[in-house]
Amino acid sequence: MNLPNSSVLALLTLQDDGPSILRIALMIAAGIFLLVFLVVFLRYASLYVQSVTTGAGVGLFQMFAMSLRKVDPATIVSARVMVVQSRLDDISTRDLEAHLLAGGRVMKVVQALISAHRAGIDLDFRTAAGIDLAGRDVLEAVKTSVTPKVIDCPNPASGKAEVAAVAKNGIQVLAKARVTVRTNIKRLVGGAGEETIIARVGEGIVSTIGSKDSHKDVLANPDSISKTVLARGLDAGTAFEIVSIDIADVDIGSNIGARLQADQAEADKRVAQAHAEQRRAMAVAAEQEFRATVQENRAKVVLAEAEVPLAIAGALRSGNLGVMDLYRLRNIDSDTKMRGSIAGGDAPAGGEQPS
């Protein structure tokens, strides 16, 4: 194949310069790689040294990749160091990263796993991570499972210092209890909290005291309250296991029965007063009716008496009554009035006599 002289010279020149250009490119790439490696190493040098010396197994480029995934390498390395030092081999770096990306508290979970492992409590990473993501403090739960926690009933934060109950004889009894609980890890997710325990214990105290015939029975045997309440299994469905219920204090309150009886008597008195007032009003109304009837009858009498003189005049005109009869009638009327005045009474009312 025949080529022009200039083309041949150019081809020969490229063939001669090829190795030098490739060498320069390789040197530049090596320099860039070395620079990046130096920057990464300087940034994660302390973490890498910590990982290597403790056998955490987190590489330098893994730390760089974590930064790209928005994961804090320091948290993961510290967690891995704690896991390796505690000989918890079933927790990988990927598990820690996934939990941190999910919004979990990695250090809390690792510390809880270490505490559970030391205490002999069966708790794996998956369960601990689920408890943490559910919003529970898994480390506090493990501590409470190891060292029982004391809960006051009622809760002082609610503003009440004692549980008030009334015995059958009407005497109020004020009781204060202390509930010792420990965390049930298996029921921690989905189980009820301390408020439920306090409410159930308070309800049990009220019902137990209410079943007593007298407040003296409560004062004589306060432990009967704790035994009765504890036997009801109040920790069912909660995240805790009740260890004991102790009655810390028992006081006597007011006489609720007497107060209720007094209130009932006052209410009965008001009802009786209302009925008496009703009867009085009815009697007054009947009296007014009787007075109206009397006045009506008196009016009839006056009308009847007014007809007497007319009848006498008619009798005189018709000859049925004489003058002497009229005088005798007037004498009798005068005598009657005189007798009435002497006796101290009013003379009977008579009709007006004609002159």
Protein backbone atom coordinates (compact mmCIF):
# COMPACT_ATOMS: atom_id res chain seq x y z
CA MET A 1 0.00 0.00 0.00
CA ASN A 2 1.54 3.33 -1.14
CA LEU A 3 1.15 6.41 1.15
CA PRO A 4 2.31 9.96 0.59
CA ASN A 5 5.59 10.90 2.18
CA SER A 6 3.97 13.40 4.62
CA SER A 7 1.50 10.79 5.90
CA VAL A 8 4.26 8.29 6.44
CA LEU A 9 6.25 10.80 8.44
CA ALA A 10 3.26 11.71 10.61
CA LEU A 11 2.51 8.04 11.33
CA LEU A 12 6.11 7.40 12.28
CA THR A 13 6.03 10.42 14.60
CA LEU A 14 2.88 9.16 16.42
CA GLN A 15 4.37 5.71 16.80
CA ASP A 16 7.44 7.22 18.38
CA ASP A 17 5.47 9.52 20.81
CA GLY A 18 2.82 6.90 21.78
CA PRO A 19 4.63 5.36 24.78
CA SER A 20 5.46 8.76 26.27
CA ILE A 21 1.84 10.04 26.09
CA LEU A 22 0.50 6.84 27.63
CA ARG A 23 3.08 7.05 30.34
CA ILE A 24 2.09 10.62 31.14
CA ALA A 25 -1.61 9.68 31.26
CA LEU A 26 -0.88 6.83 33.61
CA MET A 27 1.18 9.07 35.84
CA ILE A 28 -1.61 11.66 35.96
CA ALA A 29 -4.18 8.98 36.84
CA ALA A 30 -1.87 7.56 39.49
CA GLY A 31 -1.37 11.04 40.92
CA ILE A 32 -5.12 11.67 41.08
CA PHE A 33 -5.70 8.28 42.71
CA LEU A 34 -2.92 8.94 45.18
CA LEU A 35 -4.33 12.35 45.98
CA VAL A 36 -7.84 10.95 46.55
CA PHE A 37 -6.44 8.13 48.64
CA LEU A 38 -4.43 10.63 50.68
CA VAL A 39 -7.50 12.81 51.27
CA VAL A 40 -9.65 9.82 52.24
CA PHE A 41 -6.92 8.41 54.45
CA LEU A 42 -6.35 11.71 56.23
CA ARG A 43 -10.09 12.10 56.79
CA TYR A 44 -10.71 8.59 58.10
CA ALA A 45 -7.21 7.78 59.38
CA SER A 46 -8.16 7.67 63.07
CA LEU A 47 -11.29 5.59 62.38
CA TYR A 48 -9.37 3.24 60.12
CA VAL A 49 -6.62 2.76 62.70
CA GLN A 50 -9.27 2.11 65.35
CA SER A 51 -11.00 -0.42 63.07
CA VAL A 52 -7.76 -2.22 62.24
CA THR A 53 -6.43 -2.38 65.78
CA THR A 54 -9.74 -3.67 67.19
CA GLY A 55 -10.61 -6.00 64.32
CA ALA A 56 -13.87 -4.22 63.57
CA GLY A 57 -13.52 -5.08 59.89
CA VAL A 58 -14.54 -1.70 58.47
CA GLY A 59 -12.31 -0.77 55.51
CA LEU A 60 -11.19 2.65 54.43
CA PHE A 61 -13.23 2.68 51.24
CA GLN A 62 -16.24 1.36 53.18
CA MET A 63 -16.06 4.47 55.31
CA PHE A 64 -15.90 6.61 52.16
CA ALA A 65 -18.91 4.75 50.75
CA MET A 66 -20.78 5.33 54.01
CA SER A 67 -20.26 9.06 53.64
CA LEU A 68 -21.69 8.88 50.15
CA ARG A 69 -24.76 7.05 51.56
CA LYS A 70 -25.25 9.76 54.25
CA VAL A 71 -24.18 7.40 57.01
CA ASP A 72 -21.93 8.58 59.84
CA PRO A 73 -18.84 6.33 59.69
CA ALA A 74 -17.82 7.24 63.25
CA THR A 75 -21.09 5.85 64.65
CA ILE A 76 -20.81 2.62 62.65
CA VAL A 77 -17.14 2.08 63.55
CA SER A 78 -17.80 2.74 67.24
CA ALA A 79 -20.74 0.35 67.18
CA ARG A 80 -18.69 -2.32 65.38
CA VAL A 81 -15.86 -1.95 67.88
CA MET A 82 -18.30 -2.46 70.77
CA VAL A 83 -19.85 -5.47 69.00
CA VAL A 84 -16.49 -7.11 68.31
CA GLN A 85 -15.14 -6.43 71.77
CA SER A 86 -18.30 -7.92 73.29
CA ARG A 87 -18.07 -10.97 70.96
CA LEU A 88 -21.45 -10.45 69.36
CA ASP A 89 -20.56 -11.97 66.00
CA ASP A 90 -24.08 -12.04 64.52
CA ILE A 91 -24.25 -8.27 63.91
CA SER A 92 -22.78 -7.10 60.62
CA THR A 93 -21.81 -3.65 59.42
CA ARG A 94 -24.65 -3.74 56.90
CA ASP A 95 -27.19 -4.34 59.70
CA LEU A 96 -25.90 -1.33 61.61
CA GLU A 97 -26.01 0.85 58.50
CA ALA A 98 -29.55 -0.24 57.66
CA HIS A 99 -30.78 0.53 61.17
CA LEU A 100 -29.10 3.95 61.16
CA LEU A 101 -30.61 4.79 57.76
CA ALA A 102 -34.04 3.78 59.11
CA GLY A 103 -33.75 6.44 61.82
CA GLY A 104 -32.75 4.14 64.65
CA ARG A 105 -30.38 4.78 67.53
CA VAL A 106 -27.55 2.39 66.79
CA MET A 107 -25.54 3.00 69.94
CA LYS A 108 -28.61 2.47 72.16
CA VAL A 109 -29.35 -0.82 70.41
CA VAL A 110 -25.75 -2.06 70.66
CA GLN A 111 -25.52 -1.10 74.34
CA ALA A 112 -28.83 -2.86 75.01
CA LEU A 113 -27.60 -6.01 73.23
CA ILE A 114 -24.37 -6.00 75.24
CA SER A 115 -26.27 -5.52 78.52
CA ALA A 116 -28.70 -8.31 77.61
CA HIS A 117 -25.83 -10.60 76.62
CA ARG A 118 -24.05 -9.98 79.91
CA ALA A 119 -27.27 -10.53 81.89
CA GLY A 120 -28.17 -13.71 80.01
CA ILE A 121 -31.34 -12.23 78.48
CA ASP A 122 -32.40 -13.64 75.11
CA LEU A 123 -32.38 -10.58 72.82
CA ASP A 124 -31.28 -10.52 69.19
CA PHE A 125 -30.48 -7.56 66.96
CA ARG A 126 -33.69 -7.78 64.97
CA THR A 127 -35.88 -7.62 68.06
CA ALA A 128 -33.83 -4.81 69.60
CA ALA A 129 -33.92 -2.82 66.35
CA GLY A 130 -37.70 -3.27 66.12
CA ILE A 131 -38.17 -2.07 69.69
CA ASP A 132 -35.97 0.95 69.01
CA LEU A 133 -37.80 1.87 65.79
CA ALA A 134 -41.12 1.53 67.64
CA GLY A 135 -40.06 4.45 69.85
CA ARG A 136 -39.22 2.48 72.98
CA ASP A 137 -35.97 2.95 74.88
CA VAL A 138 -34.54 -0.54 74.45
CA LEU A 139 -31.58 0.16 76.74
CA GLU A 140 -33.86 1.33 79.54
CA ALA A 141 -36.03 -1.73 78.95
CA VAL A 142 -33.06 -4.05 79.39
CA LYS A 143 -31.98 -2.20 82.52
CA THR A 144 -35.49 -2.46 83.95
CA SER A 145 -35.56 -6.14 83.08
CA VAL A 146 -32.35 -6.65 85.04
CA THR A 147 -33.13 -4.23 87.87
CA PRO A 148 -36.90 -3.99 88.65
CA LYS A 149 -38.47 -0.55 88.66
CA VAL A 150 -40.76 0.88 91.34
CA ILE A 151 -43.90 2.75 90.21
CA ASP A 152 -45.97 4.87 92.60
CA CYS A 153 -49.75 4.40 92.48
CA PRO A 154 -51.24 6.90 92.03
CA ASN A 155 -48.70 8.78 89.96
CA PRO A 156 -47.63 11.94 91.86
CA ALA A 157 -47.52 13.80 88.54
CA SER A 158 -51.30 13.43 88.26
CA GLY A 159 -51.82 15.64 91.32
CA LYS A 160 -53.19 12.86 93.54
CA ALA A 161 -51.19 11.50 96.44
CA GLU A 162 -53.51 8.62 97.46
CA VAL A 163 -56.19 6.34 96.06
CA ALA A 164 -59.58 7.05 97.68
CA ALA A 165 -61.99 4.16 98.28
CA VAL A 166 -65.04 3.62 100.52
CA ALA A 167 -65.74 0.51 102.62
CA LYS A 168 -69.25 -0.87 103.07
CA ASN A 169 -69.73 0.99 106.35
CA GLY A 170 -69.30 4.32 104.52
CA ILE A 171 -65.84 5.23 105.85
CA GLN A 172 -63.38 6.52 103.27
CA VAL A 173 -59.96 4.84 103.13
CA LEU A 174 -56.95 6.53 101.49
CA ALA A 175 -54.28 4.12 100.26
CA LYS A 176 -50.95 4.54 98.52
CA ALA A 177 -49.24 1.63 96.76
CA ARG A 178 -45.86 0.97 95.21
CA VAL A 179 -45.70 -1.45 92.31
CA THR A 180 -42.43 -3.19 91.49
CA VAL A 181 -42.23 -4.17 87.82
CA ARG A 182 -39.65 -5.47 85.40
CA THR A 183 -39.75 -5.21 81.62
CA ASN A 184 -41.05 -8.12 79.58
CA ILE A 185 -38.90 -7.93 76.43
CA LYS A 186 -41.18 -10.20 74.40
CA ARG A 187 -44.22 -7.94 75.01
CA LEU A 188 -42.38 -4.65 74.77
CA VAL A 189 -43.62 -3.96 71.24
CA GLY A 190 -47.39 -3.50 71.35
CA GLY A 191 -47.66 -3.85 75.13
CA ALA A 192 -49.30 -1.24 77.36
CA GLY A 193 -47.14 1.11 79.41
CA GLU A 194 -46.87 2.32 82.98
CA GLU A 195 -50.13 4.31 82.84
CA THR A 196 -52.09 1.10 82.30
CA ILE A 197 -50.37 -0.59 85.25
CA ILE A 198 -51.16 2.39 87.50
CA ALA A 199 -54.80 2.50 86.37
CA ARG A 200 -55.31 -1.24 86.90
CA VAL A 201 -53.69 -1.25 90.32
CA GLY A 202 -55.77 1.77 91.39
CA GLU A 203 -58.94 0.06 90.19
CA GLY A 204 -58.00 -3.10 92.09
CA ILE A 205 -57.38 -1.15 95.30
CA VAL A 206 -60.75 0.61 95.04
CA SER A 207 -62.68 -2.60 94.40
CA THR A 208 -60.85 -4.51 97.16
CA ILE A 209 -61.49 -1.83 99.79
CA GLY A 210 -65.09 -1.50 98.61
CA SER A 211 -65.67 -5.20 99.23
CA LYS A 212 -64.63 -4.91 102.90
CA ASP A 213 -67.43 -4.72 105.49
CA SER A 214 -65.58 -2.17 107.60
CA HIS A 215 -62.61 0.14 107.31
CA LYS A 216 -61.19 -1.62 110.37
CA ASP A 217 -60.61 -4.73 108.26
CA VAL A 218 -58.43 -2.69 105.90
CA LEU A 219 -56.46 -1.15 108.75
CA ALA A 220 -55.98 -4.53 110.41
CA ASN A 221 -54.77 -6.33 107.26
CA PRO A 222 -53.47 -3.90 104.61
CA ASP A 223 -51.53 -6.75 102.98
CA SER A 224 -54.85 -8.33 101.99
CA ILE A 225 -55.23 -5.52 99.44
CA SER A 226 -51.88 -6.25 97.79
CA LYS A 227 -52.51 -10.01 97.76
CA THR A 228 -55.96 -9.62 96.20
CA VAL A 229 -54.77 -7.13 93.57
CA LEU A 230 -51.66 -9.16 92.72
CA ALA A 231 -53.74 -12.31 92.21
CA ARG A 232 -55.77 -10.65 89.44
CA GLY A 233 -52.96 -10.75 86.88
CA LEU A 234 -53.00 -7.04 86.15
CA ASP A 235 -49.88 -7.24 83.96
CA ALA A 236 -51.67 -9.10 81.16
CA GLY A 237 -51.21 -7.34 77.84
CA THR A 238 -48.65 -4.90 79.21
CA ALA A 239 -44.92 -4.52 78.58
CA PHE A 240 -44.16 -5.25 82.23
CA GLU A 241 -44.27 -8.12 84.67
CA ILE A 242 -45.49 -7.19 88.15
CA VAL A 243 -43.09 -8.49 90.78
CA SER A 244 -44.91 -7.19 93.86
CA ILE A 245 -47.53 -4.71 95.02
CA ASP A 246 -46.89 -3.13 98.40
CA ILE A 247 -49.26 -0.85 100.34
CA ALA A 248 -47.03 2.00 101.46
CA ASP A 249 -49.61 3.99 103.44
CA VAL A 250 -53.23 3.71 104.61
CA ASP A 251 -55.19 6.61 106.08
CA ILE A 252 -58.79 7.20 107.11
CA GLY A 253 -60.67 9.89 105.25
CA SER A 254 -64.09 11.39 105.84
CA ASN A 255 -67.31 9.56 106.70
CA ILE A 256 -68.80 9.37 103.25
CA GLY A 257 -71.76 7.28 104.42
CA ALA A 258 -72.79 9.83 107.05
CA ARG A 259 -72.41 12.64 104.56
CA LEU A 260 -74.57 10.82 102.05
CA GLN A 261 -77.19 10.12 104.70
CA ALA A 262 -77.17 13.78 105.74
CA ASP A 263 -77.53 14.85 102.12
CA GLN A 264 -80.38 12.35 101.67
CA ALA A 265 -82.10 13.61 104.82
CA GLU A 266 -81.77 17.19 103.60
CA ALA A 267 -83.22 16.18 100.26
CA ASP A 268 -86.11 14.35 102.00
CA LYS A 269 -86.76 17.42 104.16
CA ARG A 270 -86.94 19.63 101.11
CA VAL A 271 -89.35 17.21 99.45
CA ALA A 272 -91.53 17.13 102.57
CA GLN A 273 -91.48 20.93 102.75
CA ALA A 274 -92.53 21.11 99.12
CA HIS A 275 -95.40 18.70 99.77
CA ALA A 276 -96.46 20.64 102.89
CA GLU A 277 -96.38 23.90 100.96
CA GLN A 278 -98.50 22.29 98.29
CA ARG A 279 -101.04 21.11 100.86
CA ARG A 280 -101.05 24.57 102.53
CA ALA A 281 -101.69 26.25 99.20
CA MET A 282 -104.54 23.83 98.54
CA ALA A 283 -106.02 24.52 102.01
CA VAL A 284 -105.81 28.29 101.44
CA ALA A 285 -107.53 27.89 98.10
CA ALA A 286 -110.27 25.75 99.70
CA GLU A 287 -110.70 28.35 102.47
CA GLN A 288 -111.13 31.08 99.92
CA GLU A 289 -113.71 28.95 98.15
CA PHE A 290 -115.59 28.38 101.44
CA ARG A 291 -115.56 32.10 102.20
CA ALA A 292 -116.95 32.83 98.76
CA THR A 293 -119.70 30.25 99.38
CA VAL A 294 -120.55 31.86 102.77
CA GLN A 295 -120.81 35.28 101.19
CA GLU A 296 -123.02 33.86 98.50
CA ASN A 297 -125.31 32.23 101.09
CA ARG A 298 -125.44 35.47 103.13
CA ALA A 299 -126.49 37.32 100.05
CA LYS A 300 -129.28 34.80 99.55
CA VAL A 301 -130.39 35.30 103.22
CA VAL A 302 -130.46 39.06 102.77
CA LEU A 303 -132.56 38.66 99.67
CA ALA A 304 -134.92 36.32 101.50
CA GLU A 305 -135.22 38.72 104.48
CA ALA A 306 -135.94 41.60 102.13
CA GLU A 307 -139.06 39.75 100.97
CA VAL A 308 -140.50 39.56 104.55
CA PRO A 309 -141.79 43.18 104.77
CA LEU A 310 -143.30 42.83 101.33
CA ALA A 311 -145.09 39.65 102.43
CA ILE A 312 -146.38 41.36 105.62
CA ALA A 313 -147.67 44.33 103.61
CA GLY A 314 -149.39 41.99 101.18
CA ALA A 315 -150.97 40.09 104.08
CA LEU A 316 -152.29 43.35 105.61
CA ARG A 317 -153.79 44.41 102.30
CA SER A 318 -155.38 41.05 101.74
CA GLY A 319 -156.77 40.90 105.31
CA ASN A 320 -154.84 37.79 106.25
CA LEU A 321 -152.90 39.76 108.92
CA GLY A 322 -154.39 42.23 111.37
CA VAL A 323 -152.93 45.34 113.02
CA MET A 324 -152.76 43.62 116.37
CA ASP A 325 -150.87 40.74 114.83
CA LEU A 326 -148.36 43.24 113.45
CA TYR A 327 -147.87 44.81 116.91
CA ARG A 328 -147.39 41.44 118.53
CA LEU A 329 -144.80 40.57 115.88
CA ARG A 330 -142.89 43.77 116.59
CA ASN A 331 -143.03 43.17 120.34
CA ILE A 332 -141.59 39.72 119.86
CA ASP A 333 -138.81 41.15 117.69
CA SER A 334 -137.99 43.86 120.25
CA ASP A 335 -138.01 41.33 123.05
CA THR A 336 -135.65 39.11 121.13
CA LYS A 337 -133.21 41.98 120.51
CA MET A 338 -133.33 42.94 124.18
CA ARG A 339 -132.62 39.39 125.29
CA GLY A 340 -129.71 39.24 122.84
CA SER A 341 -128.20 42.50 124.13
CA ILE A 342 -128.55 41.32 127.74
CA ALA A 343 -126.87 38.02 126.85
CA GLY A 344 -123.99 39.89 125.24
CA GLY A 345 -124.64 38.68 121.75
CA ASP A 346 -125.94 40.34 118.68
CA ALA A 347 -129.63 40.15 118.03
CA PRO A 348 -130.59 38.00 115.15
CA ALA A 349 -130.79 39.94 112.01
CA GLY A 350 -134.30 40.73 111.03
CA GLY A 351 -135.92 42.24 108.08
CA GLU A 352 -136.77 45.88 108.03
CA GLN A 353 -140.36 46.31 109.39
CA PRO A 354 -142.73 48.72 107.80
CA SER A 355 -143.80 51.70 109.98
